[in-house]
Amino acid sequence: MYRYNKISEKLSKLTFDSYNRQDSELTFLEAKIVKTENFLTIYGAILPGISGKFTNITKAKKLDDGKWGNDPDFKFPVEGLEANPMPLVMIQIPIKAFTNDKGKDIKPSVSEEFIAKKLLEDFGNGGMFEGMLDLGVDKTRIAKYEEYIGYGDAGLSRAVGVLKEFYNVSKIDALTTITDDVLSQDTNGAKGNGYGGKNFVPKETESERLNARAEFAKRFLADDWDKTKDFSVITFDSCLTLWDGRSHDLGQSGCQYMTDILKNILS
C-alpha cells in the first residue's frame, strides 16, 4: 500500500507503507529516475489496477478512536484531470542507511534496496522506463531470484521468471506526460515524506545547467528539435556554419536572442 500526499494539482507524492506491504504493485505508463545522495526518486504516470481503481493508495487520517489509520472515504483524486488523465506521482526510495534532518535513522528495506539498485543498473540516473514494479515484494522472492542467478546460464530463465513477478520494466526513449515543469516543482508543500525529512526536487547542478544550455544552443543553431536524437552528436562547427547561412532570416531580434544565450553559456 502507499500513502498519499498532495504536492500540486499535477503531482502527488506516494510513500510506501512498510507496515502494510500487500497490494504494492505500481504500473507506470512512463517514468523517470532521479538519483540524489540518499534517495532514488521515481517520477511516473501510473495506471490503475485490475479493478480500474487506485485501491492501493490511501490517505492517513486520525480516526474517531483517536488513533491514526486509513481514511475510509479517501479516493485517489483523478477526477478533474481531463487535460492529464494519467495521474503523475513521485516516489522516494531510500538507497542507503542515513540519519535525516530530524535525527531519525532511515534504512531501506530489502525490497527497496534491491529495486532501487536494479533500476539504476538497468536505466541509470535520468533513465526512463515503463512497466510494473512492486516495492512490497517479499524478500524470499528476491532471494530466490538471486539464487537462480547464482546458477549462471542454467538458472537464467528461472531467474527472469521470478524477477518478472515483481519487476517487469523496459526502457523508453521519450516522455509525453512528465514534463519539465513537473520535474522542477517545489515539493515542500507536501506534509511529509514518510521518512521525517522535507520533500524537495533536487536543484540542478551547474554542469546540468550548462548541459541544458548547450543542448538548446545546438538545437537552435542547427534548427534540429528531434528529441530522440542525442544533441551531443551535433557539433558546434556545423551549427555555426548553419547559423551563418540562416542569420539573415532570423532578423535582429533572433540574432540578439541567440547571442544572449551563447553569452550565458560562456560566462
Protein backbone atom coordinates (compact mmCIF):
# COMPACT_ATOMS: atom_id res chain seq x y z
CA MET A 1 0.00 0.00 0.00
CA TYR A 2 1.01 3.61 -0.50
CA ARG A 3 0.19 6.77 1.44
CA TYR A 4 -0.90 9.85 -0.49
CA ASN A 5 0.27 13.45 -0.13
CA LYS A 6 -0.79 16.23 -2.47
CA ILE A 7 2.01 18.37 -3.86
CA SER A 8 0.19 20.27 -6.61
CA GLU A 9 -2.73 19.91 -9.00
CA LYS A 10 -0.48 17.87 -11.26
CA LEU A 11 1.75 15.92 -8.88
CA SER A 12 1.15 13.69 -5.86
CA LYS A 13 3.66 12.00 -3.58
CA LEU A 14 3.27 8.33 -2.74
CA THR A 15 5.06 6.90 0.28
CA PHE A 16 5.45 3.15 0.56
CA ASP A 17 3.83 1.80 3.74
CA SER A 18 6.37 -0.71 5.06
CA TYR A 19 3.84 -1.95 7.66
CA ASN A 20 1.20 -2.70 5.03
CA ARG A 21 3.10 -4.31 2.18
CA GLN A 22 0.27 -6.01 0.29
CA ASP A 23 -1.12 -4.57 -2.95
CA SER A 24 2.05 -2.61 -3.57
CA GLU A 25 2.39 -3.14 -7.33
CA LEU A 26 2.58 0.05 -9.39
CA THR A 27 2.25 0.11 -13.17
CA PHE A 28 3.84 3.05 -14.97
CA LEU A 29 2.81 4.34 -18.35
CA GLU A 30 6.11 6.19 -18.25
CA ALA A 31 8.61 7.09 -15.54
CA LYS A 32 11.87 8.94 -14.98
CA ILE A 33 14.60 8.21 -12.41
CA VAL A 34 16.38 10.95 -10.44
CA LYS A 35 19.15 9.93 -8.01
CA THR A 36 20.30 12.08 -5.11
CA GLU A 37 22.61 11.33 -2.20
CA ASN A 38 20.09 9.39 -0.11
CA PHE A 39 17.17 8.68 -2.43
CA LEU A 40 16.21 7.37 -5.81
CA THR A 41 13.13 9.32 -6.87
CA ILE A 42 10.72 7.97 -9.47
CA TYR A 43 8.50 10.45 -11.29
CA GLY A 44 5.80 8.49 -13.06
CA ALA A 45 2.41 8.43 -14.74
CA ILE A 46 0.60 5.49 -13.13
CA LEU A 47 -2.20 3.25 -14.32
CA PRO A 48 -5.00 1.89 -12.10
CA GLY A 49 -5.09 -1.75 -11.05
CA ILE A 50 -7.22 -4.57 -12.45
CA SER A 51 -10.28 -3.09 -10.73
CA GLY A 52 -9.86 0.12 -12.71
CA LYS A 53 -9.27 1.99 -9.45
CA PHE A 54 -6.28 3.06 -7.41
CA THR A 55 -7.27 0.89 -4.47
CA ASN A 56 -3.70 0.52 -3.17
CA ILE A 57 -3.34 4.25 -2.46
CA THR A 58 -4.63 5.53 0.88
CA LYS A 59 -4.51 8.65 2.99
CA ALA A 60 -3.73 8.86 6.69
CA LYS A 61 -6.46 10.15 8.99
CA LYS A 62 -6.99 10.44 12.73
CA LEU A 63 -9.98 8.20 13.39
CA ASP A 64 -12.77 8.50 15.95
CA ASP A 65 -10.85 6.40 18.47
CA GLY A 66 -8.01 8.94 18.42
CA LYS A 67 -5.63 6.63 16.57
CA TRP A 68 -4.18 7.18 13.13
CA GLY A 69 -5.35 4.91 10.31
CA ASN A 70 -6.50 4.95 6.70
CA ASP A 71 -9.24 7.39 5.72
CA PRO A 72 -12.15 5.09 4.73
CA ASP A 73 -13.62 7.78 2.47
CA PHE A 74 -10.43 8.62 0.59
CA LYS A 75 -10.38 8.18 -3.18
CA PHE A 76 -7.28 8.90 -5.20
CA PRO A 77 -8.05 12.28 -6.86
CA VAL A 78 -8.10 11.54 -10.57
CA GLU A 79 -11.26 13.49 -11.28
CA GLY A 80 -10.75 16.95 -12.71
CA LEU A 81 -7.65 15.89 -14.60
CA GLU A 82 -9.16 15.88 -18.09
CA ALA A 83 -6.07 17.53 -19.53
CA ASN A 84 -3.85 14.96 -17.83
CA PRO A 85 -5.92 11.84 -17.06
CA MET A 86 -2.91 9.73 -16.09
CA PRO A 87 -2.06 10.74 -12.50
CA LEU A 88 1.52 11.89 -12.02
CA VAL A 89 3.28 10.79 -8.85
CA MET A 90 6.69 10.81 -7.26
CA ILE A 91 8.09 8.09 -5.01
CA GLN A 92 11.28 8.42 -2.98
CA ILE A 93 13.15 5.17 -2.29
CA PRO A 94 15.99 5.34 0.24
CA ILE A 95 19.14 3.89 -1.29
CA LYS A 96 21.26 3.69 1.85
CA ALA A 97 21.07 3.97 5.61
CA PHE A 98 21.30 7.56 6.88
CA THR A 99 20.07 9.90 9.61
CA ASN A 100 17.61 12.52 8.39
CA ASP A 101 17.35 16.17 9.43
CA LYS A 102 15.11 15.24 12.37
CA GLY A 103 17.60 12.76 13.78
CA LYS A 104 15.65 9.71 12.62
CA ASP A 105 17.62 6.73 11.33
CA ILE A 106 16.47 5.65 7.87
CA LYS A 107 17.28 2.23 6.48
CA PRO A 108 15.93 0.87 3.18
CA SER A 109 14.10 -2.45 3.24
CA VAL A 110 15.47 -5.40 1.29
CA SER A 111 12.90 -4.81 -1.46
CA GLU A 112 13.54 -1.06 -1.65
CA GLU A 113 17.29 -1.54 -1.78
CA PHE A 114 17.02 -4.24 -4.46
CA ILE A 115 14.62 -2.35 -6.74
CA ALA A 116 16.49 0.95 -6.45
CA LYS A 117 19.78 -0.77 -7.31
CA LYS A 118 18.17 -2.68 -10.20
CA LEU A 119 16.63 0.47 -11.67
CA LEU A 120 19.98 2.24 -11.60
CA GLU A 121 21.75 -0.75 -13.13
CA ASP A 122 19.18 -1.10 -15.91
CA PHE A 123 18.47 2.55 -16.74
CA GLY A 124 20.92 4.81 -14.88
CA ASN A 125 20.34 8.19 -13.28
CA GLY A 126 17.94 10.12 -15.51
CA GLY A 127 16.80 6.92 -17.22
CA MET A 128 13.23 6.43 -18.41
CA PHE A 129 11.11 3.30 -18.31
CA GLU A 130 7.63 1.80 -18.40
CA GLY A 131 6.11 -1.25 -16.72
CA MET A 132 5.42 -2.71 -13.28
CA LEU A 133 7.36 -2.88 -10.04
CA ASP A 134 6.42 -3.92 -6.51
CA LEU A 135 8.21 -2.27 -3.58
CA GLY A 136 6.47 -4.65 -1.18
CA VAL A 137 7.77 -7.88 -2.71
CA ASP A 138 8.65 -10.50 -0.12
CA LYS A 139 12.39 -10.77 0.41
CA THR A 140 12.17 -14.54 -0.15
CA ARG A 141 11.31 -13.88 -3.83
CA ILE A 142 14.36 -11.64 -4.14
CA ALA A 143 16.47 -14.36 -2.51
CA LYS A 144 15.07 -16.92 -4.98
CA TYR A 145 15.94 -14.67 -7.91
CA GLU A 146 19.49 -14.24 -6.63
CA GLU A 147 19.77 -18.00 -6.08
CA TYR A 148 18.87 -18.72 -9.69
CA ILE A 149 21.26 -16.01 -10.91
CA GLY A 150 23.98 -17.80 -8.96
CA TYR A 151 23.48 -20.90 -11.15
CA GLY A 152 24.68 -18.98 -14.21
CA ASP A 153 23.17 -19.77 -17.61
CA ALA A 154 21.41 -22.84 -16.23
CA GLY A 155 19.27 -20.73 -13.90
CA LEU A 156 18.84 -17.63 -16.05
CA SER A 157 15.39 -18.40 -17.47
CA ARG A 158 14.03 -19.21 -13.99
CA ALA A 159 15.61 -16.06 -12.57
CA VAL A 160 13.90 -13.97 -15.26
CA GLY A 161 10.57 -15.63 -14.47
CA VAL A 162 10.86 -14.82 -10.77
CA LEU A 163 12.01 -11.26 -11.44
CA LYS A 164 9.02 -10.51 -13.67
CA GLU A 165 6.71 -11.29 -10.75
CA PHE A 166 7.73 -8.02 -9.08
CA TYR A 167 9.93 -6.12 -11.55
CA ASN A 168 8.87 -6.10 -15.19
CA VAL A 169 10.01 -2.86 -16.78
CA SER A 170 11.55 -1.78 -20.07
CA LYS A 171 13.38 1.26 -21.38
CA ILE A 172 11.64 4.09 -23.20
CA ASP A 173 13.33 6.89 -25.12
CA ALA A 174 10.96 9.79 -24.53
CA LEU A 175 8.38 11.16 -22.09
CA THR A 176 5.00 12.57 -23.06
CA THR A 177 3.14 13.40 -19.83
CA ILE A 178 6.05 14.01 -17.44
CA THR A 179 7.14 17.47 -18.49
CA ASP A 180 9.97 19.69 -17.23
CA ASP A 181 7.54 21.75 -15.16
CA VAL A 182 6.52 18.59 -13.27
CA LEU A 183 10.14 17.59 -12.64
CA SER A 184 11.02 21.07 -11.41
CA GLN A 185 8.11 21.50 -8.98
CA ASP A 186 8.90 22.51 -5.43
CA THR A 187 7.58 19.62 -3.36
CA ASN A 188 7.95 21.24 0.06
CA GLY A 189 4.18 21.68 0.10
CA ALA A 190 3.58 18.02 0.93
CA LYS A 191 3.07 17.35 4.62
CA GLY A 192 5.67 14.62 4.92
CA ASN A 193 7.63 12.02 3.03
CA GLY A 194 7.30 9.10 5.41
CA TYR A 195 10.93 9.43 6.46
CA GLY A 196 10.68 12.55 8.60
CA GLY A 197 12.53 14.80 6.15
CA LYS A 198 11.48 17.54 3.81
CA ASN A 199 10.29 16.82 0.29
CA PHE A 200 12.21 18.54 -2.44
CA VAL A 201 13.18 18.27 -6.06
CA PRO A 202 16.99 18.28 -6.27
CA LYS A 203 18.46 21.53 -7.51
CA GLU A 204 20.03 21.45 -10.93
CA THR A 205 23.82 21.35 -10.77
CA GLU A 206 25.98 23.84 -12.62
CA SER A 207 27.08 21.18 -15.11
CA GLU A 208 23.44 20.21 -15.73
CA ARG A 209 22.54 23.85 -16.36
CA LEU A 210 25.42 24.24 -18.80
CA ASN A 211 24.48 20.97 -20.49
CA ALA A 212 20.88 22.13 -20.94
CA ARG A 213 22.03 25.47 -22.34
CA ALA A 214 24.43 23.75 -24.73
CA GLU A 215 21.66 21.46 -25.96
CA PHE A 216 19.31 24.38 -26.58
CA ALA A 217 22.02 26.35 -28.37
CA LYS A 218 22.91 23.45 -30.64
CA ARG A 219 19.31 22.61 -31.50
CA PHE A 220 18.52 26.28 -32.10
CA LEU A 221 21.55 26.84 -34.30
CA ALA A 222 21.02 23.61 -36.26
CA ASP A 223 17.21 24.02 -36.27
CA ASP A 224 17.03 20.39 -35.13
CA TRP A 225 14.41 19.75 -32.42
CA ASP A 226 14.27 15.98 -32.71
CA LYS A 227 14.38 14.98 -29.01
CA THR A 228 15.09 11.34 -29.90
CA LYS A 229 18.41 12.46 -31.37
CA ASP A 230 21.32 12.84 -28.97
CA PHE A 231 22.26 16.50 -29.14
CA SER A 232 25.93 15.66 -28.41
CA VAL A 233 26.30 14.32 -31.96
CA ILE A 234 25.57 17.82 -33.27
CA THR A 235 28.88 19.69 -33.49
CA PHE A 236 29.21 23.39 -32.82
CA ASP A 237 31.21 23.73 -36.07
CA SER A 238 28.24 22.51 -38.11
CA CYS A 239 25.90 24.69 -36.03
CA LEU A 240 27.90 27.86 -36.66
CA THR A 241 28.06 27.13 -40.38
CA LEU A 242 24.28 26.79 -40.50
CA TRP A 243 23.87 29.86 -38.29
CA ASP A 244 25.92 31.98 -40.67
CA GLY A 245 23.64 30.97 -43.51
CA ARG A 246 20.41 31.48 -41.56
CA SER A 247 21.17 34.65 -39.57
CA HIS A 248 19.60 36.97 -42.15
CA ASP A 249 16.31 35.01 -41.94
CA LEU A 250 16.12 35.27 -38.15
CA GLY A 251 16.26 39.03 -38.05
CA GLN A 252 17.91 41.27 -35.47
CA SER A 253 15.80 40.08 -32.51
CA GLY A 254 16.50 36.42 -33.25
CA CYS A 255 20.21 37.03 -33.58
CA GLN A 256 20.28 39.01 -30.34
CA TYR A 257 18.36 36.24 -28.55
CA MET A 258 20.88 33.63 -29.64
CA THR A 259 23.80 35.90 -28.79
CA ASP A 260 22.48 36.32 -25.24
CA ILE A 261 22.16 32.54 -24.81
CA LEU A 262 25.71 31.99 -26.04
CA LYS A 263 26.96 34.64 -23.61
CA ASN A 264 25.23 32.80 -20.74
CA ILE A 265 26.82 29.51 -21.77
CA LEU A 266 30.30 31.03 -21.99
CA SER A 267 30.06 33.21 -18.87
